Amino acid sequence: MEINPSVDIKVERPRPEALIATHSKTFESALNSIFPGKQEETRIQKARLIMGDDVKDLSDEDLEVFLTEFQYLIDCWLDEYEKQVFNNKTLRELI
């Protein structure tokens, strides 16, 4: 096999911004899998900040249950709406 040095090989490399974004997502995913409690605390803390005094008497466990139930309702309502709009299919099913 002979190598021809006159042939230019162009290798397309990803832009630095794309590499940083990819590595940031990978790093964040790794941290979330190592420290899952931090994500839950952040969710509860955000809920407490948004809801203010309305949830001050709730325990973290009760608030987590309410947040999970509320998320479930939102997902169900959105699925039903999408089915009405897109001939009995959700966006996920269309994609």
PDB file of N, CA and C in Angstrom:
ATOM      1  N   MET A   1       0.844  -1.175   0.000  1.00  0.00           N
ATOM      2  CA  MET A   1       0.000   0.000   0.000  1.00  0.00           C
ATOM      3  C   MET A   1       0.885   1.232   0.000  1.00  0.00           C
ATOM      4  N   GLU A   2       0.579   2.140  -0.877  1.00  0.00           N
ATOM      5  CA  GLU A   2       1.387   3.340  -1.016  1.00  0.00           C
ATOM      6  C   GLU A   2       0.601   4.552  -0.524  1.00  0.00           C
ATOM      7  N   ILE A   3       1.247   5.418   0.198  1.00  0.00           N
ATOM      8  CA  ILE A   3       0.612   6.631   0.714  1.00  0.00           C
ATOM      9  C   ILE A   3       0.982   7.785  -0.191  1.00  0.00           C
ATOM     10  N   ASN A   4      -0.002   8.506  -0.625  1.00  0.00           N
ATOM     11  CA  ASN A   4       0.215   9.641  -1.512  1.00  0.00           C
ATOM     12  C   ASN A   4       0.195  10.914  -0.677  1.00  0.00           C
ATOM     13  N   PRO A   5       1.347  11.536  -0.447  1.00  0.00           N
ATOM     14  CA  PRO A   5       1.391  12.727   0.415  1.00  0.00           C
ATOM     15  C   PRO A   5       0.741  13.955  -0.202  1.00  0.00           C
ATOM     16  N   SER A   6       0.466  13.942  -1.488  1.00  0.00           N
ATOM     17  CA  SER A   6      -0.113  15.126  -2.121  1.00  0.00           C
ATOM     18  C   SER A   6      -1.628  15.229  -1.907  1.00  0.00           C
ATOM     19  N   VAL A   7      -2.232  14.173  -1.377  1.00  0.00           N
ATOM     20  CA  VAL A   7      -3.673  14.184  -1.137  1.00  0.00           C
ATOM     21  C   VAL A   7      -3.940  14.857   0.204  1.00  0.00           C
ATOM     22  N   ASP A   8      -4.768  15.892   0.168  1.00  0.00           N
ATOM     23  CA  ASP A   8      -5.139  16.599   1.400  1.00  0.00           C
ATOM     24  C   ASP A   8      -6.357  15.922   2.018  1.00  0.00           C
ATOM     25  N   ILE A   9      -6.228  15.586   3.267  1.00  0.00           N
ATOM     26  CA  ILE A   9      -7.343  15.010   4.006  1.00  0.00           C
ATOM     27  C   ILE A   9      -7.841  16.078   4.958  1.00  0.00           C
ATOM     28  N   LYS A  10      -9.098  16.418   4.795  1.00  0.00           N
ATOM     29  CA  LYS A  10      -9.687  17.430   5.671  1.00  0.00           C
ATOM     30  C   LYS A  10     -10.568  16.736   6.695  1.00  0.00           C
ATOM     31  N   VAL A  11     -10.259  16.977   7.924  1.00  0.00           N
ATOM     32  CA  VAL A  11     -11.042  16.416   9.014  1.00  0.00           C
ATOM     33  C   VAL A  11     -11.854  17.543   9.619  1.00  0.00           C
ATOM     34  N   GLU A  12     -13.157  17.347   9.635  1.00  0.00           N
ATOM     35  CA  GLU A  12     -14.018  18.368  10.205  1.00  0.00           C
ATOM     36  C   GLU A  12     -14.117  18.152  11.706  1.00  0.00           C
ATOM     37  N   ARG A  13     -13.740  19.137  12.440  1.00  0.00           N
ATOM     38  CA  ARG A  13     -13.774  19.047  13.901  1.00  0.00           C
ATOM     39  C   ARG A  13     -14.927  19.871  14.442  1.00  0.00           C
ATOM     40  N   PRO A  14     -15.518  19.400  15.517  1.00  0.00           N
ATOM     41  CA  PRO A  14     -16.615  20.172  16.108  1.00  0.00           C
ATOM     42  C   PRO A  14     -16.110  21.512  16.645  1.00  0.00           C
ATOM     43  N   ARG A  15     -16.984  22.473  16.616  1.00  0.00           N
ATOM     44  CA  ARG A  15     -16.638  23.804  17.128  1.00  0.00           C
ATOM     45  C   ARG A  15     -16.504  23.740  18.643  1.00  0.00           C
ATOM     46  N   PRO A  16     -15.679  24.603  19.218  1.00  0.00           N
ATOM     47  CA  PRO A  16     -15.479  24.584  20.682  1.00  0.00           C
ATOM     48  C   PRO A  16     -16.773  24.747  21.471  1.00  0.00           C
ATOM     49  N   GLU A  17     -17.704  25.569  20.959  1.00  0.00           N
ATOM     50  CA  GLU A  17     -18.961  25.776  21.675  1.00  0.00           C
ATOM     51  C   GLU A  17     -19.755  24.472  21.779  1.00  0.00           C
ATOM     52  N   ALA A  18     -19.745  23.707  20.700  1.00  0.00           N
ATOM     53  CA  ALA A  18     -20.466  22.435  20.700  1.00  0.00           C
ATOM     54  C   ALA A  18     -19.823  21.443  21.656  1.00  0.00           C
ATOM     55  N   LEU A  19     -18.507  21.424  21.678  1.00  0.00           N
ATOM     56  CA  LEU A  19     -17.798  20.527  22.599  1.00  0.00           C
ATOM     57  C   LEU A  19     -18.088  20.892  24.048  1.00  0.00           C
ATOM     58  N   ILE A  20     -18.068  22.173  24.353  1.00  0.00           N
ATOM     59  CA  ILE A  20     -18.334  22.630  25.726  1.00  0.00           C
ATOM     60  C   ILE A  20     -19.753  22.250  26.139  1.00  0.00           C
ATOM     61  N   ALA A  21     -20.721  22.470  25.252  1.00  0.00           N
ATOM     62  CA  ALA A  21     -22.110  22.138  25.574  1.00  0.00           C
ATOM     63  C   ALA A  21     -22.263  20.640  25.807  1.00  0.00           C
ATOM     64  N   THR A  22     -21.635  19.834  24.972  1.00  0.00           N
ATOM     65  CA  THR A  22     -21.727  18.385  25.119  1.00  0.00           C
ATOM     66  C   THR A  22     -21.099  17.928  26.423  1.00  0.00           C
ATOM     67  N   HIS A  23     -19.922  18.441  26.724  1.00  0.00           N
ATOM     68  CA  HIS A  23     -19.238  18.042  27.948  1.00  0.00           C
ATOM     69  C   HIS A  23     -19.967  18.546  29.187  1.00  0.00           C
ATOM     70  N   SER A  24     -20.578  19.718  29.098  1.00  0.00           N
ATOM     71  CA  SER A  24     -21.338  20.245  30.235  1.00  0.00           C
ATOM     72  C   SER A  24     -22.527  19.347  30.540  1.00  0.00           C
ATOM     73  N   LYS A  25     -23.226  18.898  29.490  1.00  0.00           N
ATOM     74  CA  LYS A  25     -24.367  18.016  29.692  1.00  0.00           C
ATOM     75  C   LYS A  25     -23.931  16.680  30.278  1.00  0.00           C
ATOM     76  N   THR A  26     -22.827  16.161  29.782  1.00  0.00           N
ATOM     77  CA  THR A  26     -22.308  14.893  30.290  1.00  0.00           C
ATOM     78  C   THR A  26     -21.917  15.027  31.752  1.00  0.00           C
ATOM     79  N   PHE A  27     -21.242  16.114  32.089  1.00  0.00           N
ATOM     80  CA  PHE A  27     -20.807  16.353  33.457  1.00  0.00           C
ATOM     81  C   PHE A  27     -22.011  16.518  34.384  1.00  0.00           C
ATOM     82  N   GLU A  28     -23.003  17.286  33.941  1.00  0.00           N
ATOM     83  CA  GLU A  28     -24.204  17.485  34.755  1.00  0.00           C
ATOM     84  C   GLU A  28     -24.943  16.166  34.966  1.00  0.00           C
ATOM     85  N   SER A  29     -25.033  15.358  33.933  1.00  0.00           N
ATOM     86  CA  SER A  29     -25.684  14.051  34.048  1.00  0.00           C
ATOM     87  C   SER A  29     -24.951  13.148  35.031  1.00  0.00           C
ATOM     88  N   ALA A  30     -23.630  13.171  34.979  1.00  0.00           N
ATOM     89  CA  ALA A  30     -22.835  12.356  35.904  1.00  0.00           C
ATOM     90  C   ALA A  30     -23.046  12.817  37.343  1.00  0.00           C
ATOM     91  N   LEU A  31     -23.044  14.120  37.558  1.00  0.00           N
ATOM     92  CA  LEU A  31     -23.259  14.643  38.919  1.00  0.00           C
ATOM     93  C   LEU A  31     -24.649  14.285  39.436  1.00  0.00           C
ATOM     94  N   ASN A  32     -25.655  14.370  38.562  1.00  0.00           N
ATOM     95  CA  ASN A  32     -27.012  14.032  38.986  1.00  0.00           C
ATOM     96  C   ASN A  32     -27.145  12.556  39.344  1.00  0.00           C
ATOM     97  N   SER A  33     -26.401  11.704  38.656  1.00  0.00           N
ATOM     98  CA  SER A  33     -26.484  10.281  38.994  1.00  0.00           C
ATOM     99  C   SER A  33     -25.697   9.958  40.267  1.00  0.00           C
ATOM    100  N   ILE A  34     -24.643  10.725  40.532  1.00  0.00           N
ATOM    101  CA  ILE A  34     -23.854  10.504  41.751  1.00  0.00           C
ATOM    102  C   ILE A  34     -24.552  11.103  42.962  1.00  0.00           C
ATOM    103  N   PHE A  35     -25.105  12.303  42.796  1.00  0.00           N
ATOM    104  CA  PHE A  35     -25.751  13.021  43.903  1.00  0.00           C
ATOM    105  C   PHE A  35     -27.217  13.285  43.577  1.00  0.00           C
ATOM    106  N   PRO A  36     -28.071  12.262  43.576  1.00  0.00           N
ATOM    107  CA  PRO A  36     -29.470  12.479  43.196  1.00  0.00           C
ATOM    108  C   PRO A  36     -30.240  13.333  44.186  1.00  0.00           C
ATOM    109  N   GLY A  37     -29.850  13.366  45.438  1.00  0.00           N
ATOM    110  CA  GLY A  37     -30.563  14.150  46.446  1.00  0.00           C
ATOM    111  C   GLY A  37     -30.527  15.634  46.171  1.00  0.00           C
ATOM    112  N   LYS A  38     -29.470  16.113  45.576  1.00  0.00           N
ATOM    113  CA  LYS A  38     -29.335  17.539  45.309  1.00  0.00           C
ATOM    114  C   LYS A  38     -30.417  18.019  44.350  1.00  0.00           C
ATOM    115  N   GLN A  39     -30.738  17.221  43.338  1.00  0.00           N
ATOM    116  CA  GLN A  39     -31.763  17.591  42.384  1.00  0.00           C
ATOM    117  C   GLN A  39     -33.121  17.672  43.062  1.00  0.00           C
ATOM    118  N   GLU A  40     -33.426  16.730  43.941  1.00  0.00           N
ATOM    119  CA  GLU A  40     -34.698  16.741  44.645  1.00  0.00           C
ATOM    120  C   GLU A  40     -34.797  17.957  45.562  1.00  0.00           C
ATOM    121  N   GLU A  41     -33.722  18.268  46.254  1.00  0.00           N
ATOM    122  CA  GLU A  41     -33.731  19.449  47.121  1.00  0.00           C
ATOM    123  C   GLU A  41     -33.984  20.702  46.299  1.00  0.00           C
ATOM    124  N   THR A  42     -33.368  20.797  45.156  1.00  0.00           N
ATOM    125  CA  THR A  42     -33.541  21.969  44.319  1.00  0.00           C
ATOM    126  C   THR A  42     -34.989  22.095  43.868  1.00  0.00           C
ATOM    127  N   ARG A  43     -35.615  20.990  43.518  1.00  0.00           N
ATOM    128  CA  ARG A  43     -37.015  21.007  43.090  1.00  0.00           C
ATOM    129  C   ARG A  43     -37.910  21.491  44.226  1.00  0.00           C
ATOM    130  N   ILE A  44     -37.680  20.984  45.410  1.00  0.00           N
ATOM    131  CA  ILE A  44     -38.484  21.391  46.568  1.00  0.00           C
ATOM    132  C   ILE A  44     -38.214  22.851  46.917  1.00  0.00           C
ATOM    133  N   GLN A  45     -36.962  23.243  46.870  1.00  0.00           N
ATOM    134  CA  GLN A  45     -36.620  24.635  47.168  1.00  0.00           C
ATOM    135  C   GLN A  45     -37.278  25.587  46.167  1.00  0.00           C
ATOM    136  N   LYS A  46     -37.258  25.228  44.883  1.00  0.00           N
ATOM    137  CA  LYS A  46     -37.902  26.067  43.869  1.00  0.00           C
ATOM    138  C   LYS A  46     -39.401  26.162  44.126  1.00  0.00           C
ATOM    139  N   ALA A  47     -40.012  25.042  44.470  1.00  0.00           N
ATOM    140  CA  ALA A  47     -41.445  25.046  44.747  1.00  0.00           C
ATOM    141  C   ALA A  47     -41.754  25.941  45.941  1.00  0.00           C
ATOM    142  N   ARG A  48     -40.936  25.855  46.961  1.00  0.00           N
ATOM    143  CA  ARG A  48     -41.161  26.702  48.148  1.00  0.00           C
ATOM    144  C   ARG A  48     -40.999  28.184  47.806  1.00  0.00           C
ATOM    145  N   LEU A  49     -40.026  28.505  46.961  1.00  0.00           N
ATOM    146  CA  LEU A  49     -39.842  29.902  46.559  1.00  0.00           C
ATOM    147  C   LEU A  49     -41.033  30.407  45.751  1.00  0.00           C
ATOM    148  N   ILE A  50     -41.534  29.569  44.856  1.00  0.00           N
ATOM    149  CA  ILE A  50     -42.644  29.979  43.997  1.00  0.00           C
ATOM    150  C   ILE A  50     -43.945  30.070  44.780  1.00  0.00           C
ATOM    151  N   MET A  51     -44.211  29.089  45.635  1.00  0.00           N
ATOM    152  CA  MET A  51     -45.491  29.023  46.332  1.00  0.00           C
ATOM    153  C   MET A  51     -45.518  29.826  47.628  1.00  0.00           C
ATOM    154  N   GLY A  52     -44.362  30.164  48.134  1.00  0.00           N
ATOM    155  CA  GLY A  52     -44.280  31.033  49.302  1.00  0.00           C
ATOM    156  C   GLY A  52     -44.955  30.485  50.547  1.00  0.00           C
ATOM    157  N   ASP A  53     -45.750  31.336  51.197  1.00  0.00           N
ATOM    158  CA  ASP A  53     -46.384  30.994  52.472  1.00  0.00           C
ATOM    159  C   ASP A  53     -47.445  29.892  52.356  1.00  0.00           C
ATOM    160  N   ASP A  54     -47.918  29.650  51.145  1.00  0.00           N
ATOM    161  CA  ASP A  54     -48.971  28.630  50.958  1.00  0.00           C
ATOM    162  C   ASP A  54     -48.481  27.227  51.307  1.00  0.00           C
ATOM    163  N   VAL A  55     -47.179  26.988  51.241  1.00  0.00           N
ATOM    164  CA  VAL A  55     -46.646  25.644  51.512  1.00  0.00           C
ATOM    165  C   VAL A  55     -45.699  25.628  52.702  1.00  0.00           C
ATOM    166  N   LYS A  56     -45.691  26.690  53.482  1.00  0.00           N
ATOM    167  CA  LYS A  56     -44.725  26.758  54.583  1.00  0.00           C
ATOM    168  C   LYS A  56     -44.974  25.703  55.658  1.00  0.00           C
ATOM    169  N   ASP A  57     -46.230  25.245  55.797  1.00  0.00           N
ATOM    170  CA  ASP A  57     -46.550  24.253  56.822  1.00  0.00           C
ATOM    171  C   ASP A  57     -46.436  22.810  56.327  1.00  0.00           C
ATOM    172  N   LEU A  58     -46.155  22.625  55.053  1.00  0.00           N
ATOM    173  CA  LEU A  58     -46.022  21.278  54.495  1.00  0.00           C
ATOM    174  C   LEU A  58     -44.610  20.740  54.720  1.00  0.00           C
ATOM    175  N   SER A  59     -44.534  19.449  54.980  1.00  0.00           N
ATOM    176  CA  SER A  59     -43.214  18.818  55.075  1.00  0.00           C
ATOM    177  C   SER A  59     -42.658  18.647  53.667  1.00  0.00           C
ATOM    178  N   ASP A  60     -41.354  18.432  53.576  1.00  0.00           N
ATOM    179  CA  ASP A  60     -40.729  18.207  52.272  1.00  0.00           C
ATOM    180  C   ASP A  60     -41.323  16.995  51.578  1.00  0.00           C
ATOM    181  N   GLU A  61     -41.621  15.946  52.347  1.00  0.00           N
ATOM    182  CA  GLU A  61     -42.187  14.729  51.769  1.00  0.00           C
ATOM    183  C   GLU A  61     -43.573  14.994  51.176  1.00  0.00           C
ATOM    184  N   ASP A  62     -44.423  15.729  51.912  1.00  0.00           N
ATOM    185  CA  ASP A  62     -45.759  16.052  51.413  1.00  0.00           C
ATOM    186  C   ASP A  62     -45.681  16.937  50.168  1.00  0.00           C
ATOM    187  N   LEU A  63     -44.790  17.900  50.187  1.00  0.00           N
ATOM    188  CA  LEU A  63     -44.628  18.780  49.037  1.00  0.00           C
ATOM    189  C   LEU A  63     -44.146  17.992  47.821  1.00  0.00           C
ATOM    190  N   GLU A  64     -43.250  17.056  48.029  1.00  0.00           N
ATOM    191  CA  GLU A  64     -42.766  16.215  46.930  1.00  0.00           C
ATOM    192  C   GLU A  64     -43.907  15.387  46.339  1.00  0.00           C
ATOM    193  N   VAL A  65     -44.779  14.855  47.199  1.00  0.00           N
ATOM    194  CA  VAL A  65     -45.934  14.092  46.720  1.00  0.00           C
ATOM    195  C   VAL A  65     -46.849  14.991  45.888  1.00  0.00           C
ATOM    196  N   PHE A  66     -47.126  16.202  46.368  1.00  0.00           N
ATOM    197  CA  PHE A  66     -47.985  17.122  45.636  1.00  0.00           C
ATOM    198  C   PHE A  66     -47.367  17.507  44.290  1.00  0.00           C
ATOM    199  N   LEU A  67     -46.071  17.745  44.271  1.00  0.00           N
ATOM    200  CA  LEU A  67     -45.396  18.104  43.024  1.00  0.00           C
ATOM    201  C   LEU A  67     -45.464  16.959  42.015  1.00  0.00           C
ATOM    202  N   THR A  68     -45.267  15.749  42.497  1.00  0.00           N
ATOM    203  CA  THR A  68     -45.320  14.578  41.614  1.00  0.00           C
ATOM    204  C   THR A  68     -46.725  14.388  41.057  1.00  0.00           C
ATOM    205  N   GLU A  69     -47.732  14.521  41.910  1.00  0.00           N
ATOM    206  CA  GLU A  69     -49.119  14.389  41.455  1.00  0.00           C
ATOM    207  C   GLU A  69     -49.490  15.481  40.459  1.00  0.00           C
ATOM    208  N   PHE A  70     -49.037  16.691  40.723  1.00  0.00           N
ATOM    209  CA  PHE A  70     -49.322  17.807  39.833  1.00  0.00           C
ATOM    210  C   PHE A  70     -48.652  17.594  38.472  1.00  0.00           C
ATOM    211  N   GLN A  71     -47.418  17.124  38.476  1.00  0.00           N
ATOM    212  CA  GLN A  71     -46.718  16.844  37.220  1.00  0.00           C
ATOM    213  C   GLN A  71     -47.445  15.772  36.426  1.00  0.00           C
ATOM    214  N   TYR A  72     -47.942  14.754  37.123  1.00  0.00           N
ATOM    215  CA  TYR A  72     -48.702  13.686  36.462  1.00  0.00           C
ATOM    216  C   TYR A  72     -49.958  14.255  35.786  1.00  0.00           C
ATOM    217  N   LEU A  73     -50.682  15.121  36.504  1.00  0.00           N
ATOM    218  CA  LEU A  73     -51.878  15.732  35.940  1.00  0.00           C
ATOM    219  C   LEU A  73     -51.552  16.576  34.708  1.00  0.00           C
ATOM    220  N   ILE A  74     -50.500  17.355  34.798  1.00  0.00           N
ATOM    221  CA  ILE A  74     -50.093  18.191  33.661  1.00  0.00           C
ATOM    222  C   ILE A  74     -49.774  17.317  32.451  1.00  0.00           C
ATOM    223  N   ASP A  75     -49.023  16.243  32.661  1.00  0.00           N
ATOM    224  CA  ASP A  75     -48.671  15.345  31.559  1.00  0.00           C
ATOM    225  C   ASP A  75     -49.917  14.729  30.933  1.00  0.00           C
ATOM    226  N   CYS A  76     -50.858  14.304  31.765  1.00  0.00           N
ATOM    227  CA  CYS A  76     -52.096  13.703  31.251  1.00  0.00           C
ATOM    228  C   CYS A  76     -52.914  14.720  30.468  1.00  0.00           C
ATOM    229  N   TRP A  77     -53.050  15.930  30.995  1.00  0.00           N
ATOM    230  CA  TRP A  77     -53.820  16.964  30.317  1.00  0.00           C
ATOM    231  C   TRP A  77     -53.186  17.323  28.975  1.00  0.00           C
ATOM    232  N   LEU A  78     -51.879  17.439  28.954  1.00  0.00           N
ATOM    233  CA  LEU A  78     -51.206  17.766  27.696  1.00  0.00           C
ATOM    234  C   LEU A  78     -51.364  16.640  26.674  1.00  0.00           C
ATOM    235  N   ASP A  79     -51.249  15.417  27.129  1.00  0.00           N
ATOM    236  CA  ASP A  79     -51.452  14.278  26.223  1.00  0.00           C
ATOM    237  C   ASP A  79     -52.862  14.305  25.625  1.00  0.00           C
ATOM    238  N   GLU A  80     -53.861  14.563  26.450  1.00  0.00           N
ATOM    239  CA  GLU A  80     -55.246  14.613  25.969  1.00  0.00           C
ATOM    240  C   GLU A  80     -55.442  15.751  24.972  1.00  0.00           C
ATOM    241  N   TYR A  81     -54.862  16.897  25.271  1.00  0.00           N
ATOM    242  CA  TYR A  81     -54.972  18.037  24.357  1.00  0.00           C
ATOM    243  C   TYR A  81     -54.300  17.726  23.021  1.00  0.00           C
ATOM    244  N   GLU A  82     -53.103  17.152  23.072  1.00  0.00           N
ATOM    245  CA  GLU A  82     -52.396  16.803  21.843  1.00  0.00           C
ATOM    246  C   GLU A  82     -53.191  15.786  21.025  1.00  0.00           C
ATOM    247  N   LYS A  83     -53.835  14.842  21.683  1.00  0.00           N
ATOM    248  CA  LYS A  83     -54.644  13.844  20.975  1.00  0.00           C
ATOM    249  C   LYS A  83     -55.841  14.505  20.284  1.00  0.00           C
ATOM    250  N   GLN A  84     -56.410  15.522  20.926  1.00  0.00           N
ATOM    251  CA  GLN A  84     -57.517  16.241  20.301  1.00  0.00           C
ATOM    252  C   GLN A  84     -57.049  16.999  19.065  1.00  0.00           C
ATOM    253  N   VAL A  85     -55.875  17.575  19.148  1.00  0.00           N
ATOM    254  CA  VAL A  85     -55.362  18.402  18.062  1.00  0.00           C
ATOM    255  C   VAL A  85     -54.787  17.564  16.920  1.00  0.00           C
ATOM    256  N   PHE A  86     -54.110  16.473  17.230  1.00  0.00           N
ATOM    257  CA  PHE A  86     -53.362  15.707  16.236  1.00  0.00           C
ATOM    258  C   PHE A  86     -53.981  14.332  15.944  1.00  0.00           C
ATOM    259  N   ASN A  87     -55.276  14.275  15.762  1.00  0.00           N
ATOM    260  CA  ASN A  87     -55.968  13.042  15.351  1.00  0.00           C
ATOM    261  C   ASN A  87     -55.641  11.846  16.235  1.00  0.00           C
ATOM    262  N   ASN A  88     -55.875  12.016  17.522  1.00  0.00           N
ATOM    263  CA  ASN A  88     -55.716  10.955  18.512  1.00  0.00           C
ATOM    264  C   ASN A  88     -54.275  10.448  18.663  1.00  0.00           C
ATOM    265  N   LYS A  89     -53.301  11.348  18.438  1.00  0.00           N
ATOM    266  CA  LYS A  89     -51.893  11.012  18.653  1.00  0.00           C
ATOM    267  C   LYS A  89     -51.221  12.135  19.429  1.00  0.00           C
ATOM    268  N   THR A  90     -50.250  11.766  20.249  1.00  0.00           N
ATOM    269  CA  THR A  90     -49.471  12.776  20.960  1.00  0.00           C
ATOM    270  C   THR A  90     -48.310  13.215  20.061  1.00  0.00           C
ATOM    271  N   LEU A  91     -47.667  14.310  20.446  1.00  0.00           N
ATOM    272  CA  LEU A  91     -46.498  14.766  19.684  1.00  0.00           C
ATOM    273  C   LEU A  91     -45.399  13.715  19.683  1.00  0.00           C
ATOM    274  N   ARG A  92     -45.225  13.057  20.803  1.00  0.00           N
ATOM    275  CA  ARG A  92     -44.205  12.004  20.894  1.00  0.00           C
ATOM    276  C   ARG A  92     -44.487  10.883  19.911  1.00  0.00           C
ATOM    277  N   GLU A  93     -45.762  10.533  19.766  1.00  0.00           N
ATOM    278  CA  GLU A  93     -46.127   9.494  18.811  1.00  0.00           C
ATOM    279  C   GLU A  93     -45.939   9.942  17.372  1.00  0.00           C
ATOM    280  N   LEU A  94     -46.187  11.231  17.092  1.00  0.00           N
ATOM    281  CA  LEU A  94     -45.996  11.748  15.752  1.00  0.00           C
ATOM    282  C   LEU A  94     -44.532  11.815  15.358  1.00  0.00           C
ATOM    283  N   ILE A  95     -43.707  12.103  16.316  1.00  0.00           N
ATOM    284  CA  ILE A  95     -42.265  12.219  16.038  1.00  0.00           C
ATOM    285  C   ILE A  95     -41.690  10.838  15.889  1.00  0.00           C
TER     286      ILE A  95
END
